[in-house]
N, C-alpha and C. Protein backbone atom coordinates (compact mmCIF):
# COMPACT_ATOMS: atom_id res chain seq x y z
N MET A 1 -15.87 10.28 27.04
CA MET A 1 -15.30 8.95 26.05
C MET A 1 -14.01 9.07 26.45
N SER A 2 -13.74 7.52 26.69
CA SER A 2 -12.16 7.73 27.02
C SER A 2 -10.91 7.66 26.23
N HIS A 3 -9.89 7.80 26.61
CA HIS A 3 -8.97 7.49 25.60
C HIS A 3 -8.87 6.36 24.69
N SER A 4 -9.45 5.23 25.35
CA SER A 4 -9.17 3.62 24.84
C SER A 4 -10.57 3.99 23.32
N ALA A 5 -11.72 4.32 23.85
CA ALA A 5 -12.80 4.33 23.06
C ALA A 5 -12.50 5.53 21.43
N ASN A 6 -11.48 6.25 22.23
CA ASN A 6 -11.09 7.42 20.85
C ASN A 6 -9.94 6.19 20.42
N LEU A 7 -9.19 5.47 20.92
CA LEU A 7 -8.76 4.58 19.89
C LEU A 7 -9.15 3.90 19.20
N GLY A 8 -10.22 3.21 19.65
CA GLY A 8 -11.01 1.96 19.15
C GLY A 8 -11.22 2.65 17.92
N GLU A 9 -12.04 3.58 18.02
CA GLU A 9 -13.01 4.68 17.22
C GLU A 9 -11.72 4.89 16.35
N SER A 10 -10.89 5.33 16.15
CA SER A 10 -9.59 5.85 15.47
C SER A 10 -9.43 4.53 14.66
N LEU A 11 -9.28 3.18 15.27
CA LEU A 11 -9.17 1.99 14.47
C LEU A 11 -10.09 1.33 13.17
N ARG A 12 -11.20 1.82 14.07
CA ARG A 12 -12.25 1.14 13.05
C ARG A 12 -12.26 1.97 12.09
N GLN A 13 -12.08 3.21 12.03
CA GLN A 13 -12.33 4.41 10.78
C GLN A 13 -10.77 3.97 10.09
N MET A 14 -10.03 3.58 10.75
CA MET A 14 -8.80 3.46 9.95
C MET A 14 -8.99 1.92 9.24
N PHE A 15 -9.59 0.69 9.71
CA PHE A 15 -10.21 -0.16 9.14
C PHE A 15 -11.12 0.00 7.98
N ALA A 16 -12.14 0.85 7.90
CA ALA A 16 -12.89 1.46 6.66
C ALA A 16 -11.91 2.02 6.05
N LEU A 17 -11.40 2.74 6.05
CA LEU A 17 -10.40 3.73 5.26
C LEU A 17 -10.04 2.73 4.36
N LEU A 18 -9.23 1.70 4.73
CA LEU A 18 -8.73 0.72 4.12
C LEU A 18 -9.29 -0.45 3.18
N GLU A 19 -10.89 -0.20 3.77
CA GLU A 19 -11.44 -0.90 2.70
C GLU A 19 -12.26 -0.19 1.51
N ALA A 20 -11.85 1.29 1.69
CA ALA A 20 -12.51 2.06 0.97
C ALA A 20 -11.23 2.18 -0.27
N GLU A 21 -9.72 2.50 0.34
CA GLU A 21 -8.47 2.20 -0.31
C GLU A 21 -8.55 1.16 -1.38
N ARG A 22 -8.77 -0.33 -0.96
CA ARG A 22 -8.73 -1.32 -1.29
C ARG A 22 -9.81 -1.28 -3.16
N GLN A 23 -11.35 -1.12 -2.56
CA GLN A 23 -11.76 -0.54 -3.34
C GLN A 23 -11.86 0.47 -4.86
N ALA A 24 -11.29 1.43 -4.00
CA ALA A 24 -10.37 2.51 -5.43
C ALA A 24 -9.16 1.97 -5.98
N LEU A 25 -8.60 1.02 -5.44
CA LEU A 25 -7.66 0.46 -6.33
C LEU A 25 -7.57 -0.61 -6.99
N ALA A 26 -9.03 -0.97 -7.25
CA ALA A 26 -9.67 -1.78 -7.81
C ALA A 26 -10.40 -1.53 -8.89
N ALA A 27 -10.79 0.25 -8.23
CA ALA A 27 -11.18 0.39 -9.72
C ALA A 27 -9.88 1.49 -10.36
N ILE A 28 -8.88 1.16 -9.64
CA ILE A 28 -7.74 2.70 -10.40
C ILE A 28 -8.13 3.83 -10.35
N ASP A 29 -9.11 4.35 -9.19
CA ASP A 29 -9.62 5.20 -9.39
C ASP A 29 -8.19 6.52 -8.42
N LEU A 30 -8.06 7.18 -9.06
CA LEU A 30 -6.56 7.62 -8.58
C LEU A 30 -6.97 8.57 -7.31
N GLU A 31 -7.61 9.68 -7.92
CA GLU A 31 -8.50 10.50 -6.66
C GLU A 31 -8.99 9.80 -5.33
N ARG A 32 -9.80 8.93 -5.19
CA ARG A 32 -9.83 8.10 -4.03
C ARG A 32 -8.79 7.52 -3.61
N ILE A 33 -7.50 7.29 -4.08
CA ILE A 33 -6.81 6.64 -3.81
C ILE A 33 -5.54 7.76 -2.74
N ILE A 34 -5.99 8.78 -3.75
CA ILE A 34 -5.33 10.18 -2.69
C ILE A 34 -5.72 10.06 -1.80
N THR A 35 -7.10 10.59 -1.47
CA THR A 35 -8.06 10.82 -0.79
C THR A 35 -7.48 10.12 0.22
N CYS A 36 -7.60 8.27 0.42
CA CYS A 36 -7.64 8.02 1.26
C CYS A 36 -6.00 7.68 1.99
N ALA A 37 -5.36 7.98 1.02
CA ALA A 37 -3.73 7.83 1.71
C ALA A 37 -3.39 9.07 2.69
N ASP A 38 -4.30 9.92 2.29
CA ASP A 38 -3.99 11.30 3.35
C ASP A 38 -4.87 11.18 4.76
N GLY A 39 -6.42 10.18 4.17
CA GLY A 39 -7.06 9.78 5.60
C GLY A 39 -6.06 9.08 6.25
N LYS A 40 -5.41 8.23 5.80
CA LYS A 40 -4.81 7.10 6.51
C LYS A 40 -3.71 7.62 7.14
N MET A 41 -2.80 8.70 6.22
CA MET A 41 -1.71 9.32 7.38
C MET A 41 -2.25 10.32 8.83
N ASN A 42 -3.03 10.80 8.98
CA ASN A 42 -4.00 11.26 9.95
C ASN A 42 -4.19 10.38 10.56
N LEU A 43 -5.17 9.54 10.65
CA LEU A 43 -5.22 8.31 11.44
C LEU A 43 -4.02 7.97 11.97
N CYS A 44 -3.16 7.75 11.22
CA CYS A 44 -1.64 6.92 11.79
C CYS A 44 -1.32 7.92 12.93
N ASP A 45 -1.41 9.18 12.84
CA ASP A 45 -0.96 10.73 14.15
C ASP A 45 -1.96 10.28 14.31
N ALA A 46 -3.47 10.13 14.72
CA ALA A 46 -4.42 10.03 15.77
C ALA A 46 -3.47 8.90 16.58
N ILE A 47 -3.22 7.33 15.94
CA ILE A 47 -3.33 6.29 16.49
C ILE A 47 -1.38 6.12 17.24
N GLU A 48 -0.64 6.65 16.77
CA GLU A 48 0.63 6.37 16.79
C GLU A 48 0.91 6.61 18.38
N GLY A 49 1.89 6.11 19.11
CA GLY A 49 2.24 6.23 20.17
C GLY A 49 1.54 6.03 21.43
N ARG A 50 -0.01 5.36 20.92
CA ARG A 50 -0.88 4.94 21.77
C ARG A 50 -1.44 2.78 22.37
N GLY A 51 0.21 2.39 21.91
CA GLY A 51 -0.30 1.06 22.13
C GLY A 51 -0.79 0.48 23.55
N ALA A 52 -0.42 1.24 24.10
CA ALA A 52 -0.67 1.10 26.06
C ALA A 52 -1.86 1.15 25.94
N GLU A 53 -2.85 1.71 25.36
CA GLU A 53 -4.28 1.91 25.69
C GLU A 53 -5.15 0.79 25.08
N LEU A 54 -4.39 -0.16 23.97
CA LEU A 54 -4.82 -1.73 23.43
C LEU A 54 -6.14 -2.27 24.47
N ASP A 55 -6.77 -1.92 24.10
CA ASP A 55 -7.98 -3.38 25.00
C ASP A 55 -7.91 -4.52 23.95
N GLU A 56 -8.46 -5.93 24.40
CA GLU A 56 -8.76 -6.81 23.41
C GLU A 56 -9.27 -6.89 22.30
N GLU A 57 -10.24 -6.06 22.40
CA GLU A 57 -11.09 -5.72 21.00
C GLU A 57 -10.21 -4.80 20.62
N SER A 58 -9.75 -3.85 20.64
CA SER A 58 -8.97 -2.92 19.45
C SER A 58 -7.82 -3.53 19.05
N ARG A 59 -7.01 -4.63 20.06
CA ARG A 59 -5.91 -5.46 19.62
C ARG A 59 -6.66 -6.15 18.44
N GLY A 60 -7.32 -7.07 18.28
CA GLY A 60 -8.44 -7.26 17.72
C GLY A 60 -8.89 -6.46 16.18
N VAL A 61 -9.32 -5.30 16.25
CA VAL A 61 -9.37 -4.34 15.02
C VAL A 61 -7.81 -3.93 14.34
N LEU A 62 -7.27 -3.77 15.44
CA LEU A 62 -5.68 -3.17 14.90
C LEU A 62 -5.41 -4.76 13.83
N ASP A 63 -4.78 -6.02 14.66
CA ASP A 63 -4.71 -7.04 13.46
C ASP A 63 -4.58 -7.05 12.54
N ALA A 64 -6.26 -6.99 12.27
CA ALA A 64 -7.54 -6.78 10.80
C ALA A 64 -7.22 -5.19 10.02
N VAL A 65 -6.47 -4.61 10.68
CA VAL A 65 -6.13 -3.44 10.04
C VAL A 65 -4.92 -3.59 9.27
N LEU A 66 -3.72 -4.03 10.32
CA LEU A 66 -2.18 -4.84 9.72
C LEU A 66 -2.66 -5.93 8.54
N ARG A 67 -3.40 -6.52 7.93
CA ARG A 67 -3.58 -7.63 8.00
C ARG A 67 -4.03 -6.94 6.10
N LEU A 68 -5.24 -6.16 6.04
CA LEU A 68 -5.65 -5.41 5.41
C LEU A 68 -4.72 -4.38 4.33
N ASN A 69 -4.08 -3.83 5.39
CA ASN A 69 -2.86 -2.73 5.02
C ASN A 69 -2.42 -3.18 4.17
N ASP A 70 -1.49 -4.69 4.27
CA ASP A 70 -0.86 -5.72 4.04
C ASP A 70 -1.65 -6.09 2.16
N VAL A 71 -2.98 -6.23 2.80
CA VAL A 71 -3.57 -6.81 1.02
C VAL A 71 -3.39 -5.62 0.11
N ASN A 72 -3.78 -4.60 0.87
CA ASN A 72 -3.06 -3.41 -0.37
C ASN A 72 -2.26 -2.45 -0.69
N ARG A 73 -1.13 -3.61 0.24
CA ARG A 73 0.56 -2.92 -0.16
C ARG A 73 0.48 -3.98 -1.31
N LYS A 74 -0.08 -5.39 -1.03
CA LYS A 74 0.27 -5.98 -2.23
C LYS A 74 -0.31 -5.83 -3.71
N LEU A 75 -1.56 -5.40 -3.51
CA LEU A 75 -2.78 -4.91 -4.54
C LEU A 75 -1.93 -3.66 -5.63
N ARG A 76 -1.44 -2.83 -4.87
CA ARG A 76 -0.63 -1.76 -5.49
C ARG A 76 0.74 -2.10 -5.83
N ASN A 77 1.54 -3.21 -5.28
CA ASN A 77 2.46 -3.49 -6.01
C ASN A 77 2.50 -4.12 -6.94
N LEU A 78 0.98 -4.84 -7.07
CA LEU A 78 0.79 -5.43 -7.97
C LEU A 78 0.50 -4.41 -9.55
N ILE A 79 -0.42 -3.35 -8.92
CA ILE A 79 -0.47 -2.60 -9.57
C ILE A 79 -0.13 -1.98 -10.86
N ALA A 80 1.22 -1.84 -9.87
CA ALA A 80 2.44 -0.74 -10.48
C ALA A 80 3.44 -1.39 -11.29
N SER A 81 3.42 -2.98 -10.94
CA SER A 81 4.16 -4.29 -12.09
C SER A 81 3.90 -3.93 -13.12
N ASN A 82 1.62 -3.85 -13.15
CA ASN A 82 1.41 -4.08 -14.38
C ASN A 82 1.92 -2.90 -15.39
N VAL A 83 1.45 -1.24 -14.75
CA VAL A 83 1.69 -0.83 -15.18
C VAL A 83 3.15 -0.43 -16.14
N GLN A 84 4.15 -1.04 -15.00
CA GLN A 84 5.29 -1.00 -15.54
C GLN A 84 5.77 -1.86 -16.53
N THR A 85 5.47 -3.13 -16.96
CA THR A 85 5.36 -3.60 -17.85
C THR A 85 4.88 -3.24 -19.82
N ARG A 86 3.27 -2.56 -19.08
CA ARG A 86 2.14 -1.98 -20.05
C ARG A 86 3.50 -1.06 -20.93
N LEU A 87 3.80 -0.44 -20.05
CA LEU A 87 4.76 1.11 -20.25
C LEU A 87 6.09 0.23 -20.91
N THR A 88 6.68 -0.52 -20.32
CA THR A 88 7.99 -0.99 -21.36
C THR A 88 7.60 -1.62 -22.78
N ALA A 89 6.29 -2.31 -22.73
CA ALA A 89 6.26 -2.89 -24.23
C ALA A 89 5.70 -2.06 -24.89
N LEU A 90 4.67 -0.51 -24.42
CA LEU A 90 4.70 0.70 -25.32
C LEU A 90 6.04 1.07 -25.71
N SER A 91 6.79 1.39 -25.13
CA SER A 91 8.08 2.26 -25.31
C SER A 91 8.97 1.26 -26.08
N GLY A 92 8.99 0.00 -26.27
CA GLY A 92 9.59 -1.12 -27.08
C GLY A 92 11.01 -1.37 -26.62
N GLY A 93 11.18 -0.36 -24.89
CA GLY A 93 12.46 -0.69 -24.48
C GLY A 93 12.81 -2.06 -23.42
N SER A 94 13.86 -1.77 -23.10
CA SER A 94 14.12 -3.50 -21.69
C SER A 94 13.11 -3.01 -20.55
N PRO A 95 12.88 -3.83 -20.04
CA PRO A 95 12.77 -3.01 -18.56
C PRO A 95 13.75 -2.37 -17.96
N LEU A 96 13.36 -1.33 -17.05
CA LEU A 96 14.20 -0.52 -16.52
C LEU A 96 15.43 -1.46 -15.08
N TYR A 97 14.10 -2.47 -14.15
CA TYR A 97 14.89 -3.22 -13.16
C TYR A 97 14.73 -4.81 -13.72
N ASP A 98 15.17 -5.01 -14.59
CA ASP A 98 15.71 -6.44 -15.74
C ASP A 98 16.96 -6.76 -14.92
N ALA A 99 16.84 -8.01 -14.11
CA ALA A 99 18.50 -8.46 -13.64
C ALA A 99 18.97 -8.76 -14.98
N ARG A 100 18.03 -9.49 -16.13
CA ARG A 100 19.12 -10.19 -17.53
C ARG A 100 19.68 -8.40 -17.60
N ARG A 101 19.36 -7.39 -17.64
CA ARG A 101 19.64 -6.56 -18.59
C ARG A 101 21.49 -6.45 -18.40
N GLY A 102 21.70 -6.56 -16.92
CA GLY A 102 23.49 -6.71 -17.11
C GLY A 102 24.33 -7.66 -18.08
N ALA A 103 23.32 -9.06 -18.10
CA ALA A 103 24.24 -9.94 -18.57
C ALA A 103 24.27 -9.55 -20.12
N LYS A 104 23.16 -8.90 -20.54
CA LYS A 104 23.19 -8.63 -22.02
C LYS A 104 23.96 -7.57 -21.97
N SER A 105 24.07 -6.48 -21.31
CA SER A 105 25.22 -5.43 -21.18
C SER A 105 26.44 -6.27 -21.22
N ARG A 106 27.06 -6.98 -20.60
CA ARG A 106 28.31 -7.70 -20.60
C ARG A 106 29.07 -8.45 -21.99
N GLU A 107 27.49 -9.14 -22.43
CA GLU A 107 27.71 -10.05 -23.18
C GLU A 107 28.12 -9.33 -24.79
N ILE A 108 27.56 -8.09 -24.71
CA ILE A 108 27.84 -7.20 -25.79
C ILE A 108 29.33 -6.58 -26.14
N THR A 109 29.61 -6.35 -24.58
CA THR A 109 31.28 -5.80 -24.46
C THR A 109 32.18 -6.51 -24.38
N ALA A 110 31.57 -8.12 -24.45
CA ALA A 110 32.28 -9.18 -24.40
C ALA A 110 32.62 -9.15 -25.75
N ARG A 111 31.25 -8.89 -27.11
CA ARG A 111 31.59 -8.86 -28.81
C ARG A 111 31.93 -8.29 -29.21
N ALA A 112 32.14 -7.07 -28.36
CA ALA A 112 33.19 -5.50 -29.23
C ALA A 112 34.27 -5.78 -29.24
């Protein structure tokens, strides 16, 4: 088996792993999310530095991998934002990253 075939297989495995990660994110399955993250790191190590070996088919798979990884990143960020909003509501506190928070602090200081 040539290096190119190995690279193509690694890219196909990455695509399958990203699909599994998307499903784990949708189910909020923390154990599967962590398993997928570990698998992605291992596959990144196997793929890294091998761009010169990319053939046309592998470039197509790589493009699909990049798009799916971006979708998963957006889903992770959406989930994190939702969790932050819920935790803030439960605690009765103001959001840690609220841009308006600085304006409220200045307003209180001006009144004092």
